[in-house]
N, C-alpha and C. Protein backbone atom coordinates (compact mmCIF):
# COMPACT_ATOMS: atom_id res chain seq x y z
N UNK A 1 23.25 -4.32 -32.66
CA UNK A 1 22.52 -5.09 -31.40
C UNK A 1 21.99 -6.09 -31.14
N UNK A 2 21.07 -6.44 -32.41
CA UNK A 2 20.58 -7.91 -32.34
C UNK A 2 21.59 -9.01 -31.95
N UNK A 3 22.96 -8.63 -32.70
CA UNK A 3 24.02 -10.03 -33.00
C UNK A 3 24.37 -10.10 -31.37
N UNK A 4 24.59 -9.07 -30.71
CA UNK A 4 25.24 -9.10 -29.06
C UNK A 4 23.69 -9.88 -28.46
N UNK A 5 22.84 -9.68 -28.58
CA UNK A 5 21.77 -10.23 -27.94
C UNK A 5 21.33 -12.08 -28.14
N UNK A 6 21.72 -12.20 -29.48
CA UNK A 6 21.91 -13.55 -29.89
C UNK A 6 23.13 -14.12 -29.30
N UNK A 7 24.01 -13.41 -29.47
CA UNK A 7 25.43 -13.99 -28.49
C UNK A 7 25.16 -14.04 -27.44
N UNK A 8 24.41 -13.12 -26.36
CA UNK A 8 24.30 -13.23 -25.22
C UNK A 8 22.91 -14.16 -24.71
N UNK A 9 22.45 -15.04 -25.46
CA UNK A 9 21.45 -15.68 -25.06
C UNK A 9 20.20 -15.39 -25.23
N UNK A 10 19.94 -14.00 -25.32
CA UNK A 10 18.75 -13.27 -24.98
C UNK A 10 17.61 -13.62 -26.11
N UNK A 11 18.38 -13.67 -27.35
CA UNK A 11 17.12 -14.31 -28.29
C UNK A 11 18.40 -15.29 -28.98
N UNK A 12 16.93 -16.25 -29.67
CA UNK A 12 17.55 -17.43 -30.23
C UNK A 12 18.27 -17.09 -31.53
N UNK A 13 17.05 -16.15 -32.17
CA UNK A 13 17.78 -15.79 -33.70
C UNK A 13 17.64 -14.51 -34.20
N UNK A 14 18.36 -14.00 -35.09
CA UNK A 14 18.04 -12.80 -35.34
C UNK A 14 17.88 -12.61 -37.02
N UNK A 15 16.93 -12.14 -37.79
CA UNK A 15 17.30 -11.78 -39.08
C UNK A 15 17.57 -10.26 -39.34
N UNK A 16 18.73 -10.31 -39.82
CA UNK A 16 19.74 -9.15 -40.54
C UNK A 16 20.05 -9.20 -41.43
N UNK A 17 20.52 -7.79 -42.05
CA UNK A 17 20.74 -7.70 -43.29
C UNK A 17 22.53 -6.96 -43.34
N UNK A 18 22.86 -7.10 -44.18
CA UNK A 18 24.61 -6.74 -43.96
C UNK A 18 24.82 -5.51 -45.14
N UNK A 19 25.08 -4.28 -45.25
CA UNK A 19 24.85 -3.49 -46.83
C UNK A 19 26.35 -4.09 -47.07
N UNK A 20 26.17 -4.25 -48.58
CA UNK A 20 27.16 -4.28 -49.42
C UNK A 20 28.84 -3.33 -49.03
N UNK A 21 29.46 -3.87 -48.65
CA UNK A 21 30.64 -3.22 -48.76
C UNK A 21 30.87 -2.69 -47.09
N UNK A 22 30.00 -3.29 -46.36
CA UNK A 22 30.15 -2.98 -45.01
C UNK A 22 29.72 -4.04 -44.23
N UNK A 23 30.73 -4.95 -44.09
CA UNK A 23 30.65 -6.38 -43.20
C UNK A 23 30.20 -6.11 -41.85
N UNK A 24 29.16 -7.02 -41.56
CA UNK A 24 28.54 -6.91 -39.84
C UNK A 24 30.31 -7.22 -39.21
N UNK A 25 29.82 -6.51 -38.26
CA UNK A 25 30.72 -7.27 -36.88
C UNK A 25 29.99 -8.71 -36.01
N UNK A 26 30.18 -9.96 -36.82
CA UNK A 26 29.62 -10.83 -36.11
C UNK A 26 30.32 -11.71 -34.99
N UNK A 27 29.84 -11.78 -33.73
CA UNK A 27 30.22 -12.33 -32.71
C UNK A 27 30.66 -13.64 -32.58
N UNK A 28 31.95 -14.09 -32.46
CA UNK A 28 32.56 -15.67 -32.59
C UNK A 28 31.36 -16.08 -31.87
N UNK A 29 31.09 -17.29 -32.04
CA UNK A 29 30.05 -18.50 -32.03
C UNK A 29 28.54 -18.59 -32.24
N UNK A 30 28.37 -17.45 -33.35
CA UNK A 30 27.55 -17.38 -33.68
C UNK A 30 27.67 -17.45 -35.47
N UNK A 31 26.17 -18.64 -35.97
CA UNK A 31 26.53 -18.96 -37.45
C UNK A 31 25.23 -17.88 -38.03
N UNK A 32 25.72 -18.06 -39.36
CA UNK A 32 25.24 -17.35 -40.37
C UNK A 32 24.61 -17.91 -41.72
N UNK A 33 23.45 -18.14 -41.65
CA UNK A 33 22.84 -18.59 -42.75
C UNK A 33 22.37 -17.88 -43.68
N UNK A 34 22.24 -17.85 -45.04
CA UNK A 34 22.24 -16.94 -45.90
C UNK A 34 20.94 -16.96 -46.59
N UNK A 35 19.58 -15.76 -46.63
CA UNK A 35 18.76 -16.33 -46.90
C UNK A 35 19.01 -15.39 -48.42
N UNK A 36 19.00 -14.42 -48.76
CA UNK A 36 19.20 -13.88 -50.13
C UNK A 36 20.80 -13.34 -50.31
N UNK A 37 21.61 -13.78 -51.16
CA UNK A 37 23.37 -13.09 -51.37
C UNK A 37 23.07 -11.80 -51.60
N UNK A 38 22.21 -11.17 -52.59
CA UNK A 38 22.04 -9.80 -52.72
C UNK A 38 20.49 -9.47 -53.06
N UNK A 39 20.32 -8.39 -52.41
CA UNK A 39 18.80 -7.73 -52.43
C UNK A 39 19.47 -6.09 -52.75
N UNK A 40 18.53 -5.77 -53.82
CA UNK A 40 18.69 -4.58 -54.08
C UNK A 40 17.94 -3.48 -53.37
N UNK A 41 18.74 -2.77 -53.29
CA UNK A 41 17.79 -1.64 -52.65
C UNK A 41 17.21 -0.86 -53.30
N UNK A 42 16.02 -0.55 -52.89
CA UNK A 42 15.01 0.38 -53.85
C UNK A 42 15.41 2.05 -53.21
N UNK A 43 14.40 2.75 -54.02
CA UNK A 43 14.51 4.13 -53.80
C UNK A 43 13.16 4.27 -53.35
N UNK A 44 12.68 5.32 -52.19
CA UNK A 44 11.13 5.77 -52.46
C UNK A 44 11.40 7.37 -52.23
N UNK A 45 10.11 7.31 -52.83
CA UNK A 45 10.51 8.73 -53.56
C UNK A 45 8.61 9.84 -53.62
N UNK A 46 8.59 10.79 -53.46
CA UNK A 46 7.20 11.86 -53.75
C UNK A 46 6.31 11.05 -55.26
N UNK A 47 5.15 10.43 -54.50
CA UNK A 47 4.58 10.29 -56.18
C UNK A 47 4.68 11.54 -57.01
N UNK A 48 5.03 12.88 -56.60
CA UNK A 48 5.19 13.84 -57.18
C UNK A 48 6.17 14.11 -57.90
N UNK A 49 7.11 13.46 -57.45
CA UNK A 49 9.08 13.42 -57.87
C UNK A 49 8.87 13.10 -59.52
N UNK A 50 9.65 14.13 -60.19
CA UNK A 50 9.77 13.72 -61.52
C UNK A 50 9.98 12.11 -62.01
N UNK A 51 10.92 11.77 -61.30
CA UNK A 51 11.38 10.30 -61.53
C UNK A 51 10.52 8.88 -60.96
N UNK A 52 9.50 9.49 -60.31
CA UNK A 52 8.25 8.18 -59.96
C UNK A 52 7.55 7.80 -61.18
N UNK A 53 7.63 8.58 -61.97
CA UNK A 53 6.49 8.16 -63.22
C UNK A 53 7.67 7.08 -63.95
N UNK A 54 9.09 7.01 -63.96
CA UNK A 54 9.92 5.76 -64.64
C UNK A 54 9.94 4.92 -63.78
N UNK A 55 9.92 3.17 -64.63
CA UNK A 55 9.84 1.80 -64.31
C UNK A 55 11.38 1.76 -63.28
N UNK A 56 12.41 2.67 -63.64
CA UNK A 56 13.93 2.36 -62.92
C UNK A 56 14.48 3.98 -62.85
N UNK A 57 14.76 3.81 -62.03
CA UNK A 57 15.25 5.47 -61.61
C UNK A 57 17.04 5.56 -61.55
N UNK A 58 17.58 6.54 -62.20
CA UNK A 58 18.63 6.82 -62.70
C UNK A 58 19.29 7.42 -61.13
N UNK A 59 20.76 7.34 -60.91
CA UNK A 59 21.03 8.37 -59.54
C UNK A 59 21.15 9.35 -60.14
N UNK A 60 21.37 9.69 -61.18
CA UNK A 60 21.36 11.23 -61.31
C UNK A 60 20.20 11.78 -61.17
N UNK A 61 18.88 11.45 -61.81
CA UNK A 61 17.71 11.47 -61.33
C UNK A 61 17.51 12.19 -59.84
N UNK A 62 18.32 11.52 -59.16
CA UNK A 62 18.29 12.38 -57.97
C UNK A 62 19.36 13.02 -57.41
N UNK A 63 20.00 13.81 -58.14
CA UNK A 63 21.27 14.44 -57.63
C UNK A 63 20.70 15.43 -57.43
N UNK A 64 19.53 16.21 -57.50
CA UNK A 64 19.08 17.73 -56.69
C UNK A 64 18.66 17.25 -55.17
N UNK A 65 18.20 15.98 -54.80
CA UNK A 65 17.47 15.89 -53.92
C UNK A 65 18.48 15.70 -52.48
N UNK A 66 17.29 15.88 -51.58
CA UNK A 66 18.38 15.37 -50.24
C UNK A 66 18.18 14.35 -49.91
N UNK A 67 18.73 13.30 -49.78
CA UNK A 67 18.66 11.77 -49.05
C UNK A 67 18.45 11.81 -47.95
N UNK A 68 17.58 10.68 -47.52
CA UNK A 68 17.79 10.41 -45.65
C UNK A 68 18.20 9.07 -45.31
N UNK A 69 18.68 9.09 -44.47
CA UNK A 69 19.11 7.61 -43.84
C UNK A 69 18.65 7.18 -42.67
N UNK A 70 18.70 6.26 -41.92
CA UNK A 70 18.78 5.97 -40.52
C UNK A 70 20.23 5.87 -40.03
N UNK A 71 21.19 6.52 -39.57
CA UNK A 71 22.20 6.05 -38.82
C UNK A 71 22.33 4.93 -37.88
N UNK A 72 21.14 4.48 -37.35
CA UNK A 72 21.22 3.33 -36.32
C UNK A 72 21.09 2.19 -37.23
N UNK A 73 21.50 1.95 -38.51
CA UNK A 73 21.22 0.67 -39.04
C UNK A 73 22.55 0.78 -39.74
N UNK A 74 23.48 -0.41 -39.48
CA UNK A 74 24.49 -1.06 -39.59
C UNK A 74 24.76 -0.89 -41.05
N UNK A 75 25.59 0.16 -41.64
CA UNK A 75 26.19 0.68 -42.59
C UNK A 75 25.35 0.79 -43.38
N UNK A 76 24.45 1.54 -43.18
CA UNK A 76 23.63 2.02 -44.50
C UNK A 76 23.87 3.47 -44.87
N UNK A 77 24.58 4.29 -44.19
CA UNK A 77 25.09 5.69 -43.81
C UNK A 77 26.07 5.22 -45.02
N UNK A 78 27.50 4.68 -44.42
CA UNK A 78 28.59 4.28 -45.19
C UNK A 78 28.24 3.85 -46.54
N UNK A 79 27.26 2.75 -46.73
CA UNK A 79 26.67 2.42 -48.16
C UNK A 79 26.18 3.32 -49.16
N UNK A 80 25.47 4.04 -48.81
CA UNK A 80 24.60 5.12 -49.54
C UNK A 80 25.93 6.07 -49.57
N UNK A 81 26.61 6.29 -48.80
CA UNK A 81 28.11 7.67 -49.37
C UNK A 81 28.77 7.08 -50.33
N UNK A 82 29.00 5.65 -49.87
CA UNK A 82 29.98 5.24 -51.31
C UNK A 82 29.27 5.33 -52.66
N UNK A 83 27.64 4.52 -52.53
CA UNK A 83 27.40 4.41 -53.82
C UNK A 83 27.37 6.10 -54.34
N UNK A 84 26.96 6.86 -53.25
CA UNK A 84 26.88 8.31 -54.00
C UNK A 84 28.20 9.06 -54.41
N UNK A 85 29.09 8.77 -53.69
CA UNK A 85 30.49 9.07 -53.88
C UNK A 85 30.36 8.53 -55.25
N UNK A 86 30.65 7.34 -55.89
CA UNK A 86 31.08 6.26 -57.12
C UNK A 86 30.37 7.36 -58.14
N UNK A 87 28.99 7.89 -57.81
CA UNK A 87 28.42 8.17 -59.17
C UNK A 87 28.75 9.72 -59.06
N UNK A 88 29.62 10.12 -58.05
CA UNK A 88 30.32 11.64 -58.71
C UNK A 88 29.13 12.58 -58.17
N UNK A 89 28.37 12.23 -57.08
CA UNK A 89 27.32 12.81 -56.29
C UNK A 89 27.61 13.13 -54.95
N UNK A 90 26.93 14.34 -54.43
CA UNK A 90 27.40 14.95 -52.94
C UNK A 90 26.25 15.58 -53.04
N UNK A 91 24.65 14.75 -52.62
CA UNK A 91 23.53 15.74 -52.25
C UNK A 91 24.22 15.76 -50.46
N UNK A 92 23.05 16.79 -50.31
CA UNK A 92 22.88 16.63 -48.60
C UNK A 92 22.25 15.32 -48.12
N UNK A 93 22.52 14.72 -46.97
CA UNK A 93 22.05 13.63 -46.45
C UNK A 93 21.46 14.11 -44.87
N UNK A 94 20.63 13.45 -44.89
CA UNK A 94 20.16 14.08 -43.79
C UNK A 94 19.47 12.38 -42.81
N UNK A 95 19.90 12.42 -41.27
CA UNK A 95 19.60 11.23 -40.42
C UNK A 95 18.39 11.48 -39.90
N UNK A 96 17.99 10.06 -39.84
CA UNK A 96 16.69 10.11 -39.17
C UNK A 96 16.26 8.92 -39.00
N UNK A 97 15.03 8.63 -38.22
CA UNK A 97 14.55 6.86 -38.64
C UNK A 97 13.43 7.13 -39.59
N UNK A 98 13.03 5.66 -39.73
CA UNK A 98 12.27 5.45 -40.90
C UNK A 98 10.93 5.95 -41.15
N UNK A 99 10.58 6.19 -39.69
CA UNK A 99 9.01 7.22 -40.02
C UNK A 99 9.37 8.53 -40.18
N UNK A 100 10.19 9.19 -39.69
CA UNK A 100 10.41 10.66 -40.24
C UNK A 100 10.98 10.27 -41.79
N UNK A 101 11.98 9.49 -42.22
CA UNK A 101 12.01 9.35 -43.46
C UNK A 101 10.56 9.27 -44.29
N UNK A 102 9.80 8.35 -44.19
CA UNK A 102 8.73 8.35 -44.68
C UNK A 102 7.68 9.68 -44.82
N UNK A 103 8.02 10.30 -43.77
CA UNK A 103 7.24 11.35 -43.68
C UNK A 103 7.70 12.71 -44.75
N UNK A 104 8.94 12.88 -44.30
CA UNK A 104 9.79 13.76 -45.65
C UNK A 104 9.90 13.21 -46.89
N UNK A 105 9.96 12.01 -47.46
CA UNK A 105 9.78 11.13 -48.41
C UNK A 105 8.42 12.02 -49.26
N UNK A 106 7.25 11.35 -48.55
CA UNK A 106 5.88 12.12 -48.95
C UNK A 106 5.88 13.44 -49.06
N UNK A 107 6.26 14.27 -48.47
CA UNK A 107 6.11 15.68 -48.26
C UNK A 107 7.23 16.45 -49.67
N UNK A 108 7.81 15.33 -50.21
CA UNK A 108 9.25 15.68 -51.13
C UNK A 108 10.37 16.63 -50.99
N UNK A 109 10.37 16.11 -49.95
CA UNK A 109 11.78 16.79 -48.99
C UNK A 109 12.88 16.37 -49.05
N UNK A 110 12.80 14.59 -49.48
CA UNK A 110 13.57 13.77 -49.72
C UNK A 110 13.38 12.33 -50.08
N UNK A 111 14.26 11.84 -50.29
CA UNK A 111 14.30 10.47 -51.30
C UNK A 111 15.19 9.56 -50.16
N UNK A 112 14.87 8.47 -49.80
CA UNK A 112 15.18 7.35 -48.83
C UNK A 112 15.40 5.76 -49.34
N UNK A 113 16.58 5.34 -49.39
CA UNK A 113 16.58 3.85 -49.47
C UNK A 113 15.64 3.23 -49.00
N UNK A 114 14.98 1.69 -49.78
CA UNK A 114 14.24 1.20 -48.74
C UNK A 114 14.55 -0.48 -49.46
N UNK A 115 13.84 -1.18 -48.65
CA UNK A 115 13.86 -2.40 -49.23
C UNK A 115 12.79 -2.89 -50.39
N UNK A 116 13.27 -3.49 -51.07
CA UNK A 116 12.70 -3.74 -52.51
C UNK A 116 11.19 -4.25 -51.87
N UNK A 117 10.94 -4.93 -51.04
CA UNK A 117 9.29 -5.78 -50.75
C UNK A 117 8.78 -4.52 -50.20
N UNK A 118 9.09 -3.31 -49.91
CA UNK A 118 8.50 -2.44 -49.64
C UNK A 118 7.07 -1.86 -50.59
N UNK A 119 5.61 -1.98 -50.01
CA UNK A 119 4.56 -1.87 -51.18
C UNK A 119 4.41 -0.17 -51.04
N UNK A 120 4.25 0.09 -52.29
CA UNK A 120 3.99 1.46 -52.33
C UNK A 120 2.82 1.82 -51.68
N UNK A 121 2.53 2.90 -51.66
CA UNK A 121 1.41 4.18 -50.67
C UNK A 121 0.88 5.30 -51.89
N UNK A 122 -0.22 5.06 -51.27
CA UNK A 122 -0.96 6.34 -52.70
C UNK A 122 -0.03 7.42 -52.86
N UNK A 123 0.66 8.03 -51.77
CA UNK A 123 1.41 9.44 -51.84
C UNK A 123 3.10 9.01 -51.76
N UNK A 124 3.49 7.23 -52.18
CA UNK A 124 4.82 7.51 -52.04
C UNK A 124 4.97 6.23 -53.12
N UNK A 125 6.06 6.17 -54.22
CA UNK A 125 6.66 5.44 -54.98
C UNK A 125 7.76 4.63 -54.53
N UNK A 126 8.06 3.54 -54.92
CA UNK A 126 9.25 2.50 -54.19
C UNK A 126 9.55 1.90 -55.87
N UNK A 127 10.93 2.73 -56.32
CA UNK A 127 11.33 2.37 -57.69
C UNK A 127 12.66 1.91 -57.51
N UNK A 128 13.09 0.47 -58.74
CA UNK A 128 14.44 0.14 -58.08
C UNK A 128 15.11 1.50 -59.24
N UNK A 129 16.41 1.30 -58.90
CA UNK A 129 17.59 1.92 -59.28
C UNK A 129 18.22 1.43 -59.88
N UNK A 130 18.45 2.13 -61.36
CA UNK A 130 19.41 1.54 -62.55
C UNK A 130 20.25 1.15 -62.06
N UNK A 131 20.81 -0.45 -62.11
CA UNK A 131 22.17 -0.85 -62.30
C UNK A 131 22.15 -1.74 -60.50
N UNK A 132 21.71 -1.25 -59.98
CA UNK A 132 21.39 -1.79 -58.48
C UNK A 132 22.58 -1.53 -57.85
N UNK A 133 22.84 -0.57 -57.26
CA UNK A 133 24.27 0.25 -57.11
C UNK A 133 24.24 -0.22 -55.24
N UNK A 134 23.06 -0.52 -54.73
CA UNK A 134 23.02 -0.16 -52.97
C UNK A 134 22.44 -1.69 -52.97
N UNK A 135 23.06 -2.55 -51.84
CA UNK A 135 22.37 -3.61 -51.79
C UNK A 135 22.81 -4.27 -50.89
N UNK A 136 21.85 -5.16 -50.23
CA UNK A 136 22.05 -5.90 -48.70
C UNK A 136 22.28 -7.31 -48.93
N UNK A 137 22.85 -7.99 -48.06
CA UNK A 137 22.50 -9.55 -47.64
C UNK A 137 21.78 -9.71 -46.31
N UNK A 138 20.77 -10.97 -46.93
CA UNK A 138 20.09 -11.10 -45.91
C UNK A 138 20.43 -12.53 -45.16
N UNK A 139 20.36 -12.35 -43.63
CA UNK A 139 21.41 -13.38 -42.86
C UNK A 139 20.23 -13.58 -41.84
N UNK A 140 19.96 -14.61 -41.64
CA UNK A 140 19.26 -15.44 -40.43
C UNK A 140 20.96 -15.46 -39.54
N UNK A 141 20.93 -14.98 -38.38
CA UNK A 141 21.73 -15.38 -37.47
C UNK A 141 21.61 -16.38 -35.90
N UNK A 142 22.19 -16.87 -35.71
CA UNK A 142 22.23 -18.14 -34.67
C UNK A 142 23.07 -18.34 -33.93
N UNK A 143 22.62 -18.73 -32.36
CA UNK A 143 24.22 -19.75 -31.83
C UNK A 143 24.32 -20.85 -32.16
N UNK A 144 25.72 -21.14 -32.08
CA UNK A 144 25.95 -22.46 -32.84
C UNK A 144 25.07 -23.76 -32.19
N UNK A 145 24.94 -24.78 -33.11
CA UNK A 145 23.90 -25.64 -32.72
C UNK A 145 22.49 -25.64 -32.42
N UNK A 146 21.82 -23.98 -32.96
CA UNK A 146 21.02 -23.86 -32.75
C UNK A 146 19.99 -24.71 -33.97
N UNK A 147 18.67 -25.09 -33.92
CA UNK A 147 18.15 -25.98 -35.00
C UNK A 147 17.22 -24.76 -35.41
N UNK A 148 17.66 -24.35 -36.87
CA UNK A 148 17.00 -23.05 -37.56
C UNK A 148 16.53 -23.25 -38.45
N UNK A 149 15.97 -24.71 -38.91
CA UNK A 149 15.41 -24.73 -39.84
C UNK A 149 14.16 -24.71 -40.20
N UNK A 150 13.59 -24.75 -39.30
CA UNK A 150 11.77 -24.15 -39.40
C UNK A 150 12.02 -23.17 -39.31
N UNK A 151 12.51 -22.33 -38.44
CA UNK A 151 12.42 -20.80 -38.50
C UNK A 151 13.31 -20.33 -39.97
N UNK A 152 13.90 -20.95 -40.31
CA UNK A 152 14.21 -20.41 -41.75
C UNK A 152 13.27 -20.84 -43.33
N UNK A 153 12.73 -21.50 -42.77
CA UNK A 153 11.80 -22.38 -43.53
C UNK A 153 10.71 -21.11 -43.82
N UNK A 154 10.02 -20.59 -42.53
CA UNK A 154 8.82 -19.93 -42.76
C UNK A 154 9.88 -18.51 -42.87
N UNK A 155 11.09 -17.67 -42.78
CA UNK A 155 11.37 -16.82 -43.17
C UNK A 155 11.69 -16.70 -44.84
N UNK A 156 11.97 -17.81 -45.07
CA UNK A 156 11.82 -17.73 -46.89
C UNK A 156 10.78 -17.67 -47.42
N UNK A 157 9.59 -18.30 -46.97
CA UNK A 157 8.47 -18.83 -47.47
C UNK A 157 7.63 -17.01 -47.14
N UNK A 158 7.85 -16.74 -46.22
CA UNK A 158 7.19 -15.33 -45.79
C UNK A 158 8.05 -14.09 -46.78
N UNK A 159 9.24 -14.42 -47.19
CA UNK A 159 10.05 -13.40 -48.06
C UNK A 159 9.46 -13.38 -49.56
N UNK A 160 9.75 -14.58 -49.75
CA UNK A 160 8.69 -15.08 -51.20
C UNK A 160 7.57 -14.24 -51.72
N UNK A 161 6.79 -14.27 -50.54
CA UNK A 161 5.25 -13.79 -50.44
C UNK A 161 5.45 -12.54 -50.34
N UNK A 162 6.17 -11.92 -49.97
CA UNK A 162 6.31 -10.53 -49.84
C UNK A 162 6.83 -9.98 -50.97
N UNK A 163 7.69 -10.85 -51.80
CA UNK A 163 8.63 -9.95 -53.23
C UNK A 163 7.42 -10.49 -54.03
N UNK A 164 6.49 -11.26 -54.02
CA UNK A 164 5.55 -11.29 -55.13
C UNK A 164 4.79 -10.15 -54.92
N UNK A 165 4.39 -9.99 -53.66
CA UNK A 165 3.60 -8.34 -53.43
C UNK A 165 3.91 -7.80 -53.74
N UNK A 166 5.16 -7.43 -53.77
CA UNK A 166 6.01 -5.88 -54.19
C UNK A 166 5.58 -6.00 -55.83
N UNK A 167 5.03 -5.27 -56.52
CA UNK A 167 4.89 -5.45 -58.03
C UNK A 167 6.20 -5.22 -58.57
N UNK A 168 7.07 -3.38 -58.22
CA UNK A 168 8.46 -3.47 -58.74
C UNK A 168 9.25 -4.51 -58.71
N UNK A 169 9.60 -5.23 -57.16
CA UNK A 169 10.46 -6.13 -57.09
C UNK A 169 9.90 -7.62 -57.80
N UNK A 170 8.77 -7.60 -58.12
CA UNK A 170 8.17 -8.68 -58.33
C UNK A 170 8.91 -9.02 -59.99
N UNK A 171 9.09 -7.48 -60.86
CA UNK A 171 9.11 -7.55 -62.20
C UNK A 171 10.76 -7.70 -61.97
N UNK A 172 11.44 -6.88 -61.14
CA UNK A 172 12.79 -6.69 -61.16
C UNK A 172 13.25 -8.34 -61.16
N UNK A 173 12.55 -9.15 -60.43
CA UNK A 173 12.93 -10.44 -60.21
C UNK A 173 12.74 -11.41 -61.45
N UNK A 174 11.77 -11.12 -62.08
CA UNK A 174 11.57 -11.98 -63.37
C UNK A 174 12.47 -11.19 -64.31
N UNK A 175 12.81 -10.12 -64.91
CA UNK A 175 14.03 -9.40 -65.45
C UNK A 175 15.19 -9.70 -65.15
N UNK A 176 15.83 -10.37 -63.73
CA UNK A 176 16.76 -10.80 -63.71
C UNK A 176 16.64 -12.60 -63.32
N UNK A 177 15.37 -13.11 -63.80
CA UNK A 177 15.20 -14.57 -63.64
C UNK A 177 15.78 -15.22 -62.34
N UNK A 178 15.29 -14.44 -61.34
CA UNK A 178 15.58 -15.03 -59.99
C UNK A 178 14.50 -16.17 -59.27
N UNK A 179 14.95 -17.15 -58.99
CA UNK A 179 14.16 -18.30 -58.64
C UNK A 179 13.12 -18.10 -57.26
N UNK A 180 13.03 -16.57 -56.93
CA UNK A 180 12.05 -15.86 -55.98
C UNK A 180 10.97 -15.87 -56.69
N UNK A 181 10.91 -15.36 -58.23
CA UNK A 181 9.87 -15.19 -58.62
C UNK A 181 8.85 -15.95 -59.11
N UNK A 182 9.42 -17.10 -59.12
CA UNK A 182 8.64 -18.78 -59.74
C UNK A 182 7.71 -18.96 -58.58
N UNK A 183 6.07 -19.38 -58.95
CA UNK A 183 5.46 -19.34 -58.20
C UNK A 183 5.40 -20.72 -57.50
N UNK A 184 6.26 -21.81 -57.68
CA UNK A 184 6.11 -22.95 -57.18
C UNK A 184 7.44 -23.66 -56.41
């Protein structure tokens, strides 16, 4: 939907993600600028979940859980289904928006993929998945000829700041020697 708005000239730019293995349908005439080639998706789970106390969660630790995905997010359902299938898992999957997902996660009724920049709450844990099986590519999309340098620079700075504030993601970045973990 956002890409169509940019193509139609109703938006100048859009910050979007492309789920690994599920290419976005980018309309002709749009330019993609990669902010991050591969951002791992973490898992949100209740603080009471047995895996919440671990620094890294195995997919097998979530085999008995219901998963929640937002079907309106391009590629999320397909990406999760691909990752779970590759791990030999077939848990029940609920479809709903992020607000509903957060409520069900807190209650211990579901787990849900989330951005690694998500900050944990008192009632919710955010953890990396072992091996980073689910990932997205972060893109700034604009019409051809649009000057996106300033927007891109601000987006990159904001992302770096968010990555540093999310403790588990910052540790992940350090382990993976990412330039995003550098302070200068």
